[in-house]
Every structure is written in structure tokens, then in C-alpha cells.
């Protein structure tokens, strides 16, 4: 099983997270002309550092995970952001042995009337 498959399972497995994100949960790209009245979550990842241990190659690989939450209500954005951090922090799935929250970044698009919180995580993967 790959890191991407394991992360996809995690991102789509939680019923409460799915209920919060009535627009949907998407890998990489949101649909064109997405409905600004709904809550959206987009996630992506990139491979970081591969670590070897003694004579064992590929002991683990570090991945950086980015989660963007798009919402038109700041209070709900904060609630969902906290939920995602609590849900993913120290989570394990298949070869993912740990996920750690590292930072967030709030932004807004005044013309569209939406608020965005970008959450950053680091993950350790054995596989």
C-alpha cells in the first residue's frame, strides 16, 4: 500500500469530517467553480527525507501533508481546523506510523467572501 492510498483512507474515513465538509474532501484539486456556500477540504503531500538505519535501507520516509479548509464562516473554519488537527495528530494508518501538526496559515479572499486555513503536518511512513 502506498503513502497516498493510506492518507486517502484517513482523509475519507471519518464521518464527522465528511459531515463538516459538505462540499467534499479532495486530493490536490477542487472542482471548477466550486460552490462558495459550502465547506471544502483539499489535501496534498510531498515526499521529504528518506532515512536509513544501520544496514536497513528505507527505514522510514518523511512526508509533508498540507490540508486546506475553505469556509465562508470564520467560527466554523476554526472549529473544523481544530477538528482536523485533533483527528490527524498522532494518527496511524497502514505504513503511516505518525502524523504531527506543525503549523497553520490563515488567509481570505474578500472578493469571494471565503476564508482559508492551511494546515501543515509532518508524517513518518514505513513502506
N, C-alpha and C. Protein backbone atom coordinates (compact mmCIF):
# COMPACT_ATOMS: atom_id res chain seq x y z
N UNK A 1 0.85 -1.17 0.00
CA UNK A 1 0.00 0.00 0.00
C UNK A 1 0.90 1.24 0.00
N UNK A 2 0.53 2.27 -0.72
CA UNK A 2 1.34 3.48 -0.83
C UNK A 2 0.94 4.51 0.22
N UNK A 3 1.81 5.51 0.40
CA UNK A 3 1.50 6.59 1.33
C UNK A 3 0.22 7.29 0.90
N UNK A 4 0.09 7.60 -0.39
CA UNK A 4 -1.09 8.31 -0.90
C UNK A 4 -2.38 7.55 -0.65
N UNK A 5 -2.36 6.25 -0.83
CA UNK A 5 -3.55 5.43 -0.58
C UNK A 5 -3.91 5.43 0.90
N UNK A 6 -2.90 5.30 1.76
CA UNK A 6 -3.14 5.31 3.21
C UNK A 6 -3.68 6.66 3.66
N UNK A 7 -3.12 7.75 3.14
CA UNK A 7 -3.60 9.08 3.51
C UNK A 7 -5.02 9.30 3.00
N UNK A 8 -5.32 8.85 1.80
CA UNK A 8 -6.68 8.98 1.26
C UNK A 8 -7.68 8.24 2.14
N UNK A 9 -7.30 7.06 2.61
CA UNK A 9 -8.18 6.31 3.52
C UNK A 9 -8.46 7.11 4.78
N UNK A 10 -7.40 7.70 5.37
CA UNK A 10 -7.58 8.51 6.57
C UNK A 10 -8.48 9.73 6.33
N UNK A 11 -8.25 10.42 5.24
CA UNK A 11 -8.97 11.67 4.98
C UNK A 11 -10.45 11.43 4.70
N UNK A 12 -10.79 10.26 4.21
CA UNK A 12 -12.18 9.98 3.87
C UNK A 12 -12.88 9.02 4.82
N UNK A 13 -12.20 8.57 5.87
CA UNK A 13 -12.76 7.56 6.76
C UNK A 13 -13.61 8.12 7.90
N UNK A 14 -13.44 9.39 8.22
CA UNK A 14 -14.10 9.95 9.39
C UNK A 14 -15.44 10.58 9.01
N UNK A 15 -16.51 10.05 9.57
CA UNK A 15 -17.87 10.54 9.23
C UNK A 15 -18.08 11.98 9.66
N UNK A 16 -17.53 12.37 10.80
CA UNK A 16 -17.71 13.76 11.26
C UNK A 16 -17.00 14.74 10.34
N UNK A 17 -15.81 14.40 9.90
CA UNK A 17 -15.08 15.27 8.97
C UNK A 17 -15.84 15.38 7.65
N UNK A 18 -16.35 14.28 7.16
CA UNK A 18 -17.15 14.30 5.93
C UNK A 18 -18.41 15.16 6.09
N UNK A 19 -19.02 15.11 7.26
CA UNK A 19 -20.22 15.91 7.52
C UNK A 19 -19.89 17.40 7.56
N UNK A 20 -18.76 17.75 8.15
CA UNK A 20 -18.33 19.15 8.17
C UNK A 20 -18.11 19.67 6.75
N UNK A 21 -17.50 18.84 5.91
CA UNK A 21 -17.10 19.26 4.56
C UNK A 21 -18.19 18.88 3.56
N UNK A 22 -19.27 19.65 3.58
CA UNK A 22 -20.42 19.33 2.72
C UNK A 22 -20.13 19.52 1.24
N UNK A 23 -19.07 20.24 0.89
CA UNK A 23 -18.64 20.36 -0.50
C UNK A 23 -17.84 19.16 -0.95
N UNK A 24 -17.11 18.58 -0.01
CA UNK A 24 -16.34 17.39 -0.30
C UNK A 24 -14.91 17.49 0.19
N UNK A 25 -14.24 16.35 0.14
CA UNK A 25 -12.83 16.21 0.51
C UNK A 25 -12.11 15.75 -0.75
N UNK A 26 -11.11 16.52 -1.17
CA UNK A 26 -10.46 16.26 -2.45
C UNK A 26 -8.94 16.23 -2.32
N UNK A 27 -8.33 15.34 -3.08
CA UNK A 27 -6.87 15.29 -3.20
C UNK A 27 -6.46 16.26 -4.30
N UNK A 28 -5.55 17.16 -3.99
CA UNK A 28 -4.94 18.11 -4.91
C UNK A 28 -5.87 19.22 -5.40
N UNK A 29 -6.90 18.92 -6.16
CA UNK A 29 -7.69 19.96 -6.83
C UNK A 29 -9.17 19.92 -6.45
N UNK A 30 -9.72 21.09 -6.22
CA UNK A 30 -11.18 21.20 -6.03
C UNK A 30 -11.84 21.26 -7.40
N UNK A 31 -13.12 20.97 -7.48
CA UNK A 31 -13.82 21.07 -8.77
C UNK A 31 -13.82 22.52 -9.28
N UNK A 32 -13.91 22.69 -10.58
CA UNK A 32 -14.04 24.03 -11.16
C UNK A 32 -15.32 24.67 -10.66
N UNK A 33 -15.28 25.98 -10.42
CA UNK A 33 -16.45 26.75 -10.00
C UNK A 33 -17.15 26.13 -8.78
N UNK A 34 -16.37 25.77 -7.77
CA UNK A 34 -16.96 25.14 -6.58
C UNK A 34 -17.87 26.13 -5.86
N UNK A 35 -18.90 25.60 -5.24
CA UNK A 35 -19.93 26.37 -4.55
C UNK A 35 -19.35 27.02 -3.30
N UNK A 36 -19.28 28.35 -3.28
CA UNK A 36 -18.67 29.07 -2.17
C UNK A 36 -19.50 29.03 -0.90
N UNK A 37 -20.73 28.57 -0.97
CA UNK A 37 -21.59 28.46 0.21
C UNK A 37 -21.31 27.18 1.00
N UNK A 38 -20.51 26.29 0.44
CA UNK A 38 -20.21 25.01 1.10
C UNK A 38 -18.81 25.02 1.69
N UNK A 39 -18.55 24.03 2.54
CA UNK A 39 -17.23 23.85 3.14
C UNK A 39 -16.46 22.82 2.33
N UNK A 40 -15.19 23.16 2.03
CA UNK A 40 -14.35 22.30 1.19
C UNK A 40 -13.06 21.99 1.91
N UNK A 41 -12.54 20.81 1.67
CA UNK A 41 -11.24 20.43 2.19
C UNK A 41 -10.44 19.84 1.03
N UNK A 42 -9.26 20.38 0.84
CA UNK A 42 -8.32 19.85 -0.15
C UNK A 42 -7.04 19.47 0.55
N UNK A 43 -6.44 18.38 0.16
CA UNK A 43 -5.18 17.97 0.78
C UNK A 43 -4.18 17.53 -0.28
N UNK A 44 -2.92 17.64 0.06
CA UNK A 44 -1.85 17.20 -0.81
C UNK A 44 -0.67 16.78 0.06
N UNK A 45 0.31 16.18 -0.55
CA UNK A 45 1.51 15.77 0.19
C UNK A 45 2.71 15.82 -0.72
N UNK A 46 3.87 15.90 -0.08
CA UNK A 46 5.12 15.80 -0.83
C UNK A 46 6.12 15.03 0.01
N UNK A 47 6.92 14.25 -0.69
CA UNK A 47 7.92 13.43 -0.01
C UNK A 47 9.05 14.32 0.45
N UNK A 48 9.50 14.09 1.67
CA UNK A 48 10.60 14.86 2.22
C UNK A 48 11.87 14.04 2.26
N UNK A 49 12.25 13.63 3.43
CA UNK A 49 13.52 12.97 3.68
C UNK A 49 13.34 11.47 3.84
N UNK A 50 14.26 10.70 3.22
CA UNK A 50 14.28 9.26 3.45
C UNK A 50 15.41 8.96 4.42
N UNK A 51 15.13 8.18 5.43
CA UNK A 51 16.12 7.87 6.46
C UNK A 51 16.44 6.38 6.45
N UNK A 52 17.74 6.08 6.47
CA UNK A 52 18.21 4.71 6.55
C UNK A 52 18.68 4.45 7.98
N UNK A 53 18.67 3.19 8.37
CA UNK A 53 19.10 2.83 9.72
C UNK A 53 20.03 1.63 9.64
N UNK A 54 21.26 1.80 10.09
CA UNK A 54 22.29 0.76 10.04
C UNK A 54 22.37 0.18 8.64
N UNK A 55 22.15 -1.10 8.47
CA UNK A 55 22.24 -1.68 7.14
C UNK A 55 20.89 -1.74 6.43
N UNK A 56 19.83 -1.32 7.12
CA UNK A 56 18.49 -1.35 6.54
C UNK A 56 18.26 -0.11 5.70
N UNK A 57 17.92 -0.29 4.46
CA UNK A 57 17.60 0.82 3.58
C UNK A 57 16.13 1.17 3.75
N UNK A 58 15.81 2.45 3.60
CA UNK A 58 14.44 2.94 3.70
C UNK A 58 13.80 2.58 5.04
N UNK A 59 14.44 2.96 6.13
CA UNK A 59 13.86 2.73 7.46
C UNK A 59 12.52 3.45 7.55
N UNK A 60 12.50 4.71 7.13
CA UNK A 60 11.25 5.46 7.04
C UNK A 60 11.43 6.66 6.13
N UNK A 61 10.33 7.18 5.64
CA UNK A 61 10.32 8.37 4.79
C UNK A 61 9.44 9.41 5.45
N UNK A 62 9.90 10.65 5.44
CA UNK A 62 9.13 11.76 5.98
C UNK A 62 8.33 12.40 4.84
N UNK A 63 7.04 12.61 5.08
CA UNK A 63 6.17 13.30 4.12
C UNK A 63 5.63 14.56 4.79
N UNK A 64 5.45 15.59 4.00
CA UNK A 64 4.80 16.81 4.45
C UNK A 64 3.39 16.82 3.87
N UNK A 65 2.41 16.98 4.74
CA UNK A 65 1.00 16.97 4.34
C UNK A 65 0.45 18.39 4.49
N UNK A 66 -0.27 18.84 3.48
CA UNK A 66 -0.94 20.14 3.53
C UNK A 66 -2.44 19.91 3.40
N UNK A 67 -3.19 20.52 4.32
CA UNK A 67 -4.65 20.44 4.30
C UNK A 67 -5.19 21.86 4.24
N UNK A 68 -6.00 22.16 3.21
CA UNK A 68 -6.63 23.48 3.09
C UNK A 68 -8.12 23.33 3.33
N UNK A 69 -8.62 24.15 4.24
CA UNK A 69 -10.04 24.18 4.54
C UNK A 69 -10.58 25.51 4.06
N UNK A 70 -11.65 25.47 3.28
CA UNK A 70 -12.25 26.68 2.72
C UNK A 70 -13.68 26.78 3.25
N UNK A 71 -13.99 27.92 3.85
CA UNK A 71 -15.27 28.11 4.53
C UNK A 71 -15.63 29.60 4.48
N UNK A 72 -16.93 29.91 4.51
CA UNK A 72 -17.35 31.32 4.48
C UNK A 72 -17.68 31.87 5.86
N UNK A 73 -17.46 31.08 6.90
CA UNK A 73 -17.73 31.50 8.27
C UNK A 73 -16.47 31.26 9.11
N UNK A 74 -15.92 32.32 9.71
CA UNK A 74 -14.65 32.18 10.43
C UNK A 74 -14.76 31.28 11.66
N UNK A 75 -15.87 31.34 12.37
CA UNK A 75 -16.03 30.50 13.56
C UNK A 75 -16.07 29.02 13.18
N UNK A 76 -16.80 28.69 12.11
CA UNK A 76 -16.86 27.31 11.65
C UNK A 76 -15.50 26.86 11.11
N UNK A 77 -14.80 27.76 10.43
CA UNK A 77 -13.46 27.43 9.93
C UNK A 77 -12.55 27.03 11.08
N UNK A 78 -12.60 27.77 12.16
CA UNK A 78 -11.77 27.47 13.32
C UNK A 78 -12.17 26.13 13.95
N UNK A 79 -13.47 25.87 14.03
CA UNK A 79 -13.95 24.59 14.58
C UNK A 79 -13.47 23.42 13.74
N UNK A 80 -13.59 23.53 12.43
CA UNK A 80 -13.17 22.45 11.54
C UNK A 80 -11.66 22.28 11.58
N UNK A 81 -10.94 23.39 11.61
CA UNK A 81 -9.47 23.33 11.68
C UNK A 81 -9.03 22.58 12.94
N UNK A 82 -9.62 22.93 14.08
CA UNK A 82 -9.28 22.24 15.32
C UNK A 82 -9.62 20.75 15.23
N UNK A 83 -10.75 20.44 14.60
CA UNK A 83 -11.16 19.04 14.46
C UNK A 83 -10.13 18.27 13.63
N UNK A 84 -9.70 18.85 12.50
CA UNK A 84 -8.73 18.17 11.63
C UNK A 84 -7.41 17.95 12.37
N UNK A 85 -6.94 18.97 13.10
CA UNK A 85 -5.70 18.81 13.85
C UNK A 85 -5.83 17.69 14.88
N UNK A 86 -6.92 17.69 15.63
CA UNK A 86 -7.12 16.64 16.64
C UNK A 86 -7.30 15.27 16.00
N UNK A 87 -7.95 15.22 14.85
CA UNK A 87 -8.18 13.95 14.16
C UNK A 87 -6.87 13.35 13.62
N UNK A 88 -6.06 14.17 12.96
CA UNK A 88 -4.85 13.65 12.32
C UNK A 88 -3.65 13.52 13.26
N UNK A 89 -3.59 14.35 14.29
CA UNK A 89 -2.42 14.36 15.17
C UNK A 89 -2.21 12.99 15.82
N UNK A 90 -1.03 12.43 15.59
CA UNK A 90 -0.60 11.12 16.12
C UNK A 90 -1.41 9.95 15.56
N UNK A 91 -1.99 10.16 14.38
CA UNK A 91 -2.77 9.10 13.72
C UNK A 91 -1.82 8.11 13.05
N UNK A 92 -2.26 6.85 12.98
CA UNK A 92 -1.55 5.79 12.27
C UNK A 92 -2.50 5.15 11.27
N UNK A 93 -1.96 4.75 10.13
CA UNK A 93 -2.77 4.07 9.10
C UNK A 93 -1.82 3.29 8.21
N UNK A 94 -1.96 1.98 8.18
CA UNK A 94 -1.09 1.13 7.37
C UNK A 94 0.37 1.48 7.67
N UNK A 95 1.13 1.96 6.68
CA UNK A 95 2.54 2.29 6.88
C UNK A 95 2.78 3.66 7.48
N UNK A 96 1.74 4.46 7.63
CA UNK A 96 1.90 5.76 8.28
C UNK A 96 2.00 5.49 9.79
N UNK A 97 3.16 5.81 10.37
CA UNK A 97 3.36 5.48 11.78
C UNK A 97 3.13 6.68 12.71
N UNK A 98 3.06 7.88 12.15
CA UNK A 98 2.74 9.04 12.98
C UNK A 98 2.51 10.25 12.09
N UNK A 99 1.59 11.10 12.51
CA UNK A 99 1.34 12.39 11.86
C UNK A 99 1.40 13.45 12.96
N UNK A 100 2.13 14.52 12.68
CA UNK A 100 2.35 15.57 13.67
C UNK A 100 1.98 16.92 13.07
N UNK A 101 1.12 17.66 13.75
CA UNK A 101 0.77 19.01 13.33
C UNK A 101 1.97 19.93 13.51
N UNK A 102 2.26 20.78 12.51
CA UNK A 102 3.42 21.68 12.60
C UNK A 102 3.06 23.15 12.51
N UNK A 103 2.02 23.53 11.74
CA UNK A 103 1.72 24.96 11.60
C UNK A 103 0.38 25.15 10.89
N UNK A 104 -0.14 26.37 10.98
CA UNK A 104 -1.29 26.74 10.15
C UNK A 104 -1.09 28.16 9.63
N UNK A 105 -1.87 28.51 8.63
CA UNK A 105 -1.76 29.82 8.00
C UNK A 105 -3.15 30.24 7.54
N UNK A 106 -3.66 31.32 8.11
CA UNK A 106 -4.99 31.81 7.76
C UNK A 106 -4.88 32.84 6.63
N UNK A 107 -5.83 32.77 5.71
CA UNK A 107 -5.91 33.76 4.64
C UNK A 107 -7.38 33.95 4.27
N UNK A 108 -7.64 34.91 3.39
CA UNK A 108 -9.02 35.16 2.96
C UNK A 108 -9.02 35.69 1.54
N UNK A 109 -10.17 35.52 0.91
CA UNK A 109 -10.43 36.10 -0.40
C UNK A 109 -11.66 36.99 -0.22
N UNK A 110 -11.43 38.27 -0.07
CA UNK A 110 -12.51 39.21 0.23
C UNK A 110 -13.53 39.26 -0.90
N UNK A 111 -13.08 39.21 -2.14
CA UNK A 111 -13.99 39.26 -3.28
C UNK A 111 -14.96 38.08 -3.31
N UNK A 112 -14.45 36.91 -2.96
CA UNK A 112 -15.30 35.70 -2.96
C UNK A 112 -16.00 35.49 -1.63
N UNK A 113 -15.56 36.19 -0.58
CA UNK A 113 -16.18 36.04 0.73
C UNK A 113 -15.86 34.72 1.40
N UNK A 114 -14.63 34.22 1.19
CA UNK A 114 -14.24 32.95 1.80
C UNK A 114 -12.99 33.12 2.64
N UNK A 115 -12.86 32.23 3.61
CA UNK A 115 -11.70 32.18 4.48
C UNK A 115 -11.04 30.82 4.31
N UNK A 116 -9.72 30.82 4.38
CA UNK A 116 -8.95 29.60 4.14
C UNK A 116 -7.97 29.41 5.28
N UNK A 117 -7.90 28.20 5.79
CA UNK A 117 -6.85 27.86 6.75
C UNK A 117 -6.06 26.71 6.15
N UNK A 118 -4.75 26.92 6.03
CA UNK A 118 -3.85 25.91 5.51
C UNK A 118 -3.11 25.28 6.69
N UNK A 119 -3.36 24.01 6.90
CA UNK A 119 -2.74 23.26 7.99
C UNK A 119 -1.57 22.45 7.45
N UNK A 120 -0.48 22.44 8.19
CA UNK A 120 0.71 21.69 7.79
C UNK A 120 0.98 20.59 8.81
N UNK A 121 1.31 19.40 8.30
CA UNK A 121 1.63 18.25 9.14
C UNK A 121 2.89 17.59 8.60
N UNK A 122 3.58 16.88 9.46
CA UNK A 122 4.69 16.05 9.06
C UNK A 122 4.31 14.61 9.39
N UNK A 123 4.67 13.69 8.52
CA UNK A 123 4.29 12.30 8.71
C UNK A 123 5.49 11.40 8.50
N UNK A 124 5.51 10.31 9.24
CA UNK A 124 6.54 9.30 9.10
C UNK A 124 5.90 8.04 8.52
N UNK A 125 6.53 7.52 7.47
CA UNK A 125 5.94 6.40 6.72
C UNK A 125 6.98 5.30 6.57
N UNK A 126 6.57 4.07 6.85
CA UNK A 126 7.41 2.89 6.65
C UNK A 126 6.72 2.04 5.60
N UNK A 127 7.35 1.87 4.50
CA UNK A 127 6.72 1.06 3.46
C UNK A 127 7.55 0.89 2.24
